[in-house]
Amino acid sequence: MTFPLYTDVALARDLPEYRLRRGDLLRLVEHHVAPDGEEGYSAEVLGAKGQTLAVVAVAAKAVEALRDDEILSVRAIAV
């Protein structure tokens, strides 16, 4: 699924290389296609106050749409 830019999405799986967990909130800021044809995004990792904590590259299959039956929670990003 391709999302419009500046859409907020959730991670569909843990990304330990970025210290991120499934369910963390991202904002998609750029769409790109790798040389092997895999689609992906540059995404802002959003903090509890809406601030950008980091910008990461994620595969399109690693993000999912937010649903109406979900709630947000907070955690400290692991160091």
N, C-alpha and C. Protein backbone atom coordinates (compact mmCIF):
# COMPACT_ATOMS: atom_id res chain seq x y z
N MET A 1 0.85 -1.18 0.00
CA MET A 1 0.00 0.00 0.00
C MET A 1 0.89 1.24 0.00
N THR A 2 0.58 2.20 -0.83
CA THR A 2 1.30 3.46 -0.88
C THR A 2 0.49 4.51 -0.12
N PHE A 3 1.15 5.21 0.78
CA PHE A 3 0.50 6.24 1.59
C PHE A 3 0.83 7.62 1.03
N PRO A 4 -0.07 8.59 1.16
CA PRO A 4 0.27 9.97 0.79
C PRO A 4 1.36 10.50 1.73
N LEU A 5 2.18 11.40 1.24
CA LEU A 5 3.19 12.01 2.10
C LEU A 5 2.52 12.79 3.22
N TYR A 6 3.21 12.88 4.34
CA TYR A 6 2.79 13.57 5.56
C TYR A 6 1.64 12.86 6.27
N THR A 7 1.48 11.58 5.95
CA THR A 7 0.53 10.74 6.66
C THR A 7 1.21 10.18 7.92
N ASP A 8 0.49 10.16 9.03
CA ASP A 8 0.98 9.50 10.24
C ASP A 8 0.63 8.02 10.16
N VAL A 9 1.60 7.17 10.46
CA VAL A 9 1.43 5.72 10.41
C VAL A 9 2.07 5.09 11.64
N ALA A 10 1.82 3.81 11.83
CA ALA A 10 2.46 3.06 12.92
C ALA A 10 3.45 2.08 12.33
N LEU A 11 4.49 1.81 13.07
CA LEU A 11 5.42 0.75 12.66
C LEU A 11 4.72 -0.59 12.79
N ALA A 12 4.90 -1.44 11.80
CA ALA A 12 4.29 -2.77 11.80
C ALA A 12 5.22 -3.81 12.41
N ARG A 13 6.46 -3.44 12.68
CA ARG A 13 7.43 -4.38 13.27
C ARG A 13 8.50 -3.58 13.99
N ASP A 14 9.22 -4.24 14.88
CA ASP A 14 10.33 -3.60 15.59
C ASP A 14 11.45 -3.30 14.60
N LEU A 15 12.12 -2.18 14.82
CA LEU A 15 13.32 -1.81 14.06
C LEU A 15 14.44 -1.54 15.06
N PRO A 16 15.06 -2.60 15.57
CA PRO A 16 16.05 -2.42 16.64
C PRO A 16 17.25 -1.57 16.23
N GLU A 17 17.55 -1.52 14.93
CA GLU A 17 18.69 -0.71 14.49
C GLU A 17 18.44 0.78 14.73
N TYR A 18 17.17 1.16 14.87
CA TYR A 18 16.79 2.55 15.18
C TYR A 18 16.24 2.70 16.59
N ARG A 19 16.21 1.61 17.37
CA ARG A 19 15.65 1.58 18.72
C ARG A 19 14.14 1.87 18.70
N LEU A 20 13.46 1.42 17.64
CA LEU A 20 12.03 1.63 17.50
C LEU A 20 11.29 0.32 17.67
N ARG A 21 10.04 0.42 18.12
CA ARG A 21 9.21 -0.76 18.36
C ARG A 21 7.92 -0.69 17.56
N ARG A 22 7.37 -1.88 17.33
CA ARG A 22 6.07 -1.98 16.66
C ARG A 22 5.09 -1.05 17.36
N GLY A 23 4.34 -0.29 16.59
CA GLY A 23 3.37 0.63 17.15
C GLY A 23 3.87 2.06 17.31
N ASP A 24 5.18 2.29 17.20
CA ASP A 24 5.69 3.66 17.30
C ASP A 24 5.13 4.50 16.15
N LEU A 25 4.94 5.77 16.42
CA LEU A 25 4.31 6.68 15.47
C LEU A 25 5.35 7.33 14.56
N LEU A 26 5.08 7.28 13.25
CA LEU A 26 5.95 7.90 12.24
C LEU A 26 5.12 8.81 11.36
N ARG A 27 5.78 9.81 10.78
CA ARG A 27 5.16 10.66 9.74
C ARG A 27 5.98 10.49 8.47
N LEU A 28 5.33 10.07 7.41
CA LEU A 28 6.02 9.81 6.14
C LEU A 28 6.31 11.12 5.43
N VAL A 29 7.58 11.34 5.08
CA VAL A 29 7.96 12.62 4.48
C VAL A 29 8.54 12.49 3.08
N GLU A 30 8.89 11.28 2.66
CA GLU A 30 9.38 11.08 1.31
C GLU A 30 9.16 9.63 0.91
N HIS A 31 8.77 9.42 -0.34
CA HIS A 31 8.58 8.08 -0.88
C HIS A 31 9.74 7.81 -1.82
N HIS A 32 10.31 6.60 -1.75
CA HIS A 32 11.40 6.26 -2.66
C HIS A 32 11.35 4.79 -3.03
N VAL A 33 12.05 4.46 -4.08
CA VAL A 33 12.14 3.08 -4.56
C VAL A 33 13.61 2.71 -4.62
N ALA A 34 13.97 1.61 -3.94
CA ALA A 34 15.36 1.13 -3.93
C ALA A 34 15.71 0.54 -5.30
N PRO A 35 17.00 0.42 -5.58
CA PRO A 35 17.41 -0.17 -6.86
C PRO A 35 16.82 -1.56 -7.12
N ASP A 36 16.54 -2.31 -6.06
CA ASP A 36 15.96 -3.65 -6.23
C ASP A 36 14.44 -3.60 -6.43
N GLY A 37 13.86 -2.39 -6.47
CA GLY A 37 12.43 -2.23 -6.70
C GLY A 37 11.59 -2.15 -5.45
N GLU A 38 12.20 -2.36 -4.28
CA GLU A 38 11.42 -2.30 -3.04
C GLU A 38 11.07 -0.85 -2.71
N GLU A 39 9.79 -0.63 -2.40
CA GLU A 39 9.34 0.71 -2.04
C GLU A 39 9.61 0.99 -0.57
N GLY A 40 9.83 2.25 -0.26
CA GLY A 40 10.08 2.64 1.11
C GLY A 40 9.81 4.11 1.31
N TYR A 41 10.08 4.56 2.53
CA TYR A 41 9.82 5.94 2.91
C TYR A 41 10.95 6.46 3.78
N SER A 42 11.15 7.76 3.73
CA SER A 42 11.85 8.47 4.78
C SER A 42 10.75 8.92 5.72
N ALA A 43 10.96 8.72 7.01
CA ALA A 43 9.90 8.99 7.97
C ALA A 43 10.46 9.68 9.20
N GLU A 44 9.70 10.63 9.71
CA GLU A 44 10.05 11.27 10.97
C GLU A 44 9.53 10.42 12.12
N VAL A 45 10.36 10.18 13.10
CA VAL A 45 9.94 9.53 14.34
C VAL A 45 9.39 10.63 15.22
N LEU A 46 8.12 10.50 15.61
CA LEU A 46 7.46 11.57 16.37
C LEU A 46 7.51 11.32 17.87
N GLY A 47 7.84 12.38 18.61
CA GLY A 47 7.83 12.33 20.05
C GLY A 47 6.44 12.57 20.61
N ALA A 48 6.29 12.44 21.91
CA ALA A 48 4.99 12.58 22.57
C ALA A 48 4.38 13.96 22.38
N LYS A 49 5.20 14.98 22.17
CA LYS A 49 4.70 16.34 21.98
C LYS A 49 4.64 16.72 20.51
N GLY A 50 4.80 15.74 19.62
CA GLY A 50 4.71 15.98 18.19
C GLY A 50 6.01 16.41 17.54
N GLN A 51 7.07 16.47 18.32
CA GLN A 51 8.36 16.90 17.80
C GLN A 51 9.05 15.76 17.04
N THR A 52 9.92 16.11 16.11
CA THR A 52 10.68 15.11 15.37
C THR A 52 11.88 14.69 16.21
N LEU A 53 11.98 13.39 16.50
CA LEU A 53 13.11 12.85 17.25
C LEU A 53 14.22 12.37 16.34
N ALA A 54 13.85 11.87 15.17
CA ALA A 54 14.82 11.33 14.22
C ALA A 54 14.13 11.20 12.87
N VAL A 55 14.94 11.03 11.84
CA VAL A 55 14.43 10.70 10.52
C VAL A 55 15.08 9.38 10.12
N VAL A 56 14.25 8.41 9.72
CA VAL A 56 14.74 7.06 9.40
C VAL A 56 14.20 6.63 8.04
N ALA A 57 14.85 5.65 7.46
CA ALA A 57 14.36 5.02 6.22
C ALA A 57 13.69 3.71 6.60
N VAL A 58 12.49 3.49 6.09
CA VAL A 58 11.75 2.26 6.38
C VAL A 58 11.15 1.70 5.10
N ALA A 59 11.07 0.39 5.04
CA ALA A 59 10.40 -0.27 3.92
C ALA A 59 8.90 -0.02 4.02
N ALA A 60 8.23 0.06 2.87
CA ALA A 60 6.79 0.28 2.87
C ALA A 60 6.05 -0.82 3.64
N LYS A 61 6.56 -2.04 3.59
CA LYS A 61 5.90 -3.14 4.29
C LYS A 61 6.10 -3.07 5.80
N ALA A 62 6.92 -2.13 6.29
CA ALA A 62 7.17 -2.00 7.72
C ALA A 62 6.26 -0.98 8.39
N VAL A 63 5.33 -0.38 7.62
CA VAL A 63 4.40 0.59 8.22
C VAL A 63 2.97 0.17 7.93
N GLU A 64 2.06 0.63 8.80
CA GLU A 64 0.65 0.32 8.63
C GLU A 64 -0.19 1.53 8.99
N ALA A 65 -1.37 1.59 8.43
CA ALA A 65 -2.29 2.69 8.70
C ALA A 65 -2.72 2.68 10.16
N LEU A 66 -2.96 3.88 10.69
CA LEU A 66 -3.55 3.98 12.02
C LEU A 66 -5.02 3.59 11.92
N ARG A 67 -5.54 2.98 12.98
CA ARG A 67 -6.93 2.52 12.99
C ARG A 67 -7.73 3.30 14.03
N ASP A 68 -9.03 3.33 13.85
CA ASP A 68 -9.91 4.05 14.76
C ASP A 68 -9.97 3.42 16.15
N ASP A 69 -9.65 2.13 16.28
CA ASP A 69 -9.75 1.45 17.57
C ASP A 69 -8.43 1.43 18.33
N GLU A 70 -7.47 2.25 17.93
CA GLU A 70 -6.16 2.27 18.60
C GLU A 70 -6.04 3.51 19.48
N ILE A 71 -5.20 3.42 20.51
CA ILE A 71 -4.87 4.56 21.35
C ILE A 71 -3.36 4.76 21.33
N LEU A 72 -2.93 5.96 21.60
CA LEU A 72 -1.51 6.27 21.69
C LEU A 72 -1.01 6.02 23.10
N SER A 73 0.23 5.62 23.22
CA SER A 73 0.87 5.51 24.53
C SER A 73 2.28 6.09 24.38
N VAL A 74 2.94 6.31 25.49
CA VAL A 74 4.28 6.91 25.45
C VAL A 74 5.27 5.98 26.11
N ARG A 75 6.52 6.09 25.67
CA ARG A 75 7.63 5.37 26.26
C ARG A 75 8.89 6.18 25.98
N ALA A 76 9.89 5.98 26.79
CA ALA A 76 11.18 6.60 26.51
C ALA A 76 11.88 5.78 25.45
N ILE A 77 12.52 6.43 24.51
CA ILE A 77 13.25 5.70 23.48
C ILE A 77 14.48 5.08 24.13
N ALA A 78 14.69 3.82 23.89
CA ALA A 78 15.80 3.09 24.51
C ALA A 78 17.12 3.66 24.05
N VAL A 79 18.08 3.73 24.95
CA VAL A 79 19.42 4.22 24.62
C VAL A 79 20.36 3.07 24.43
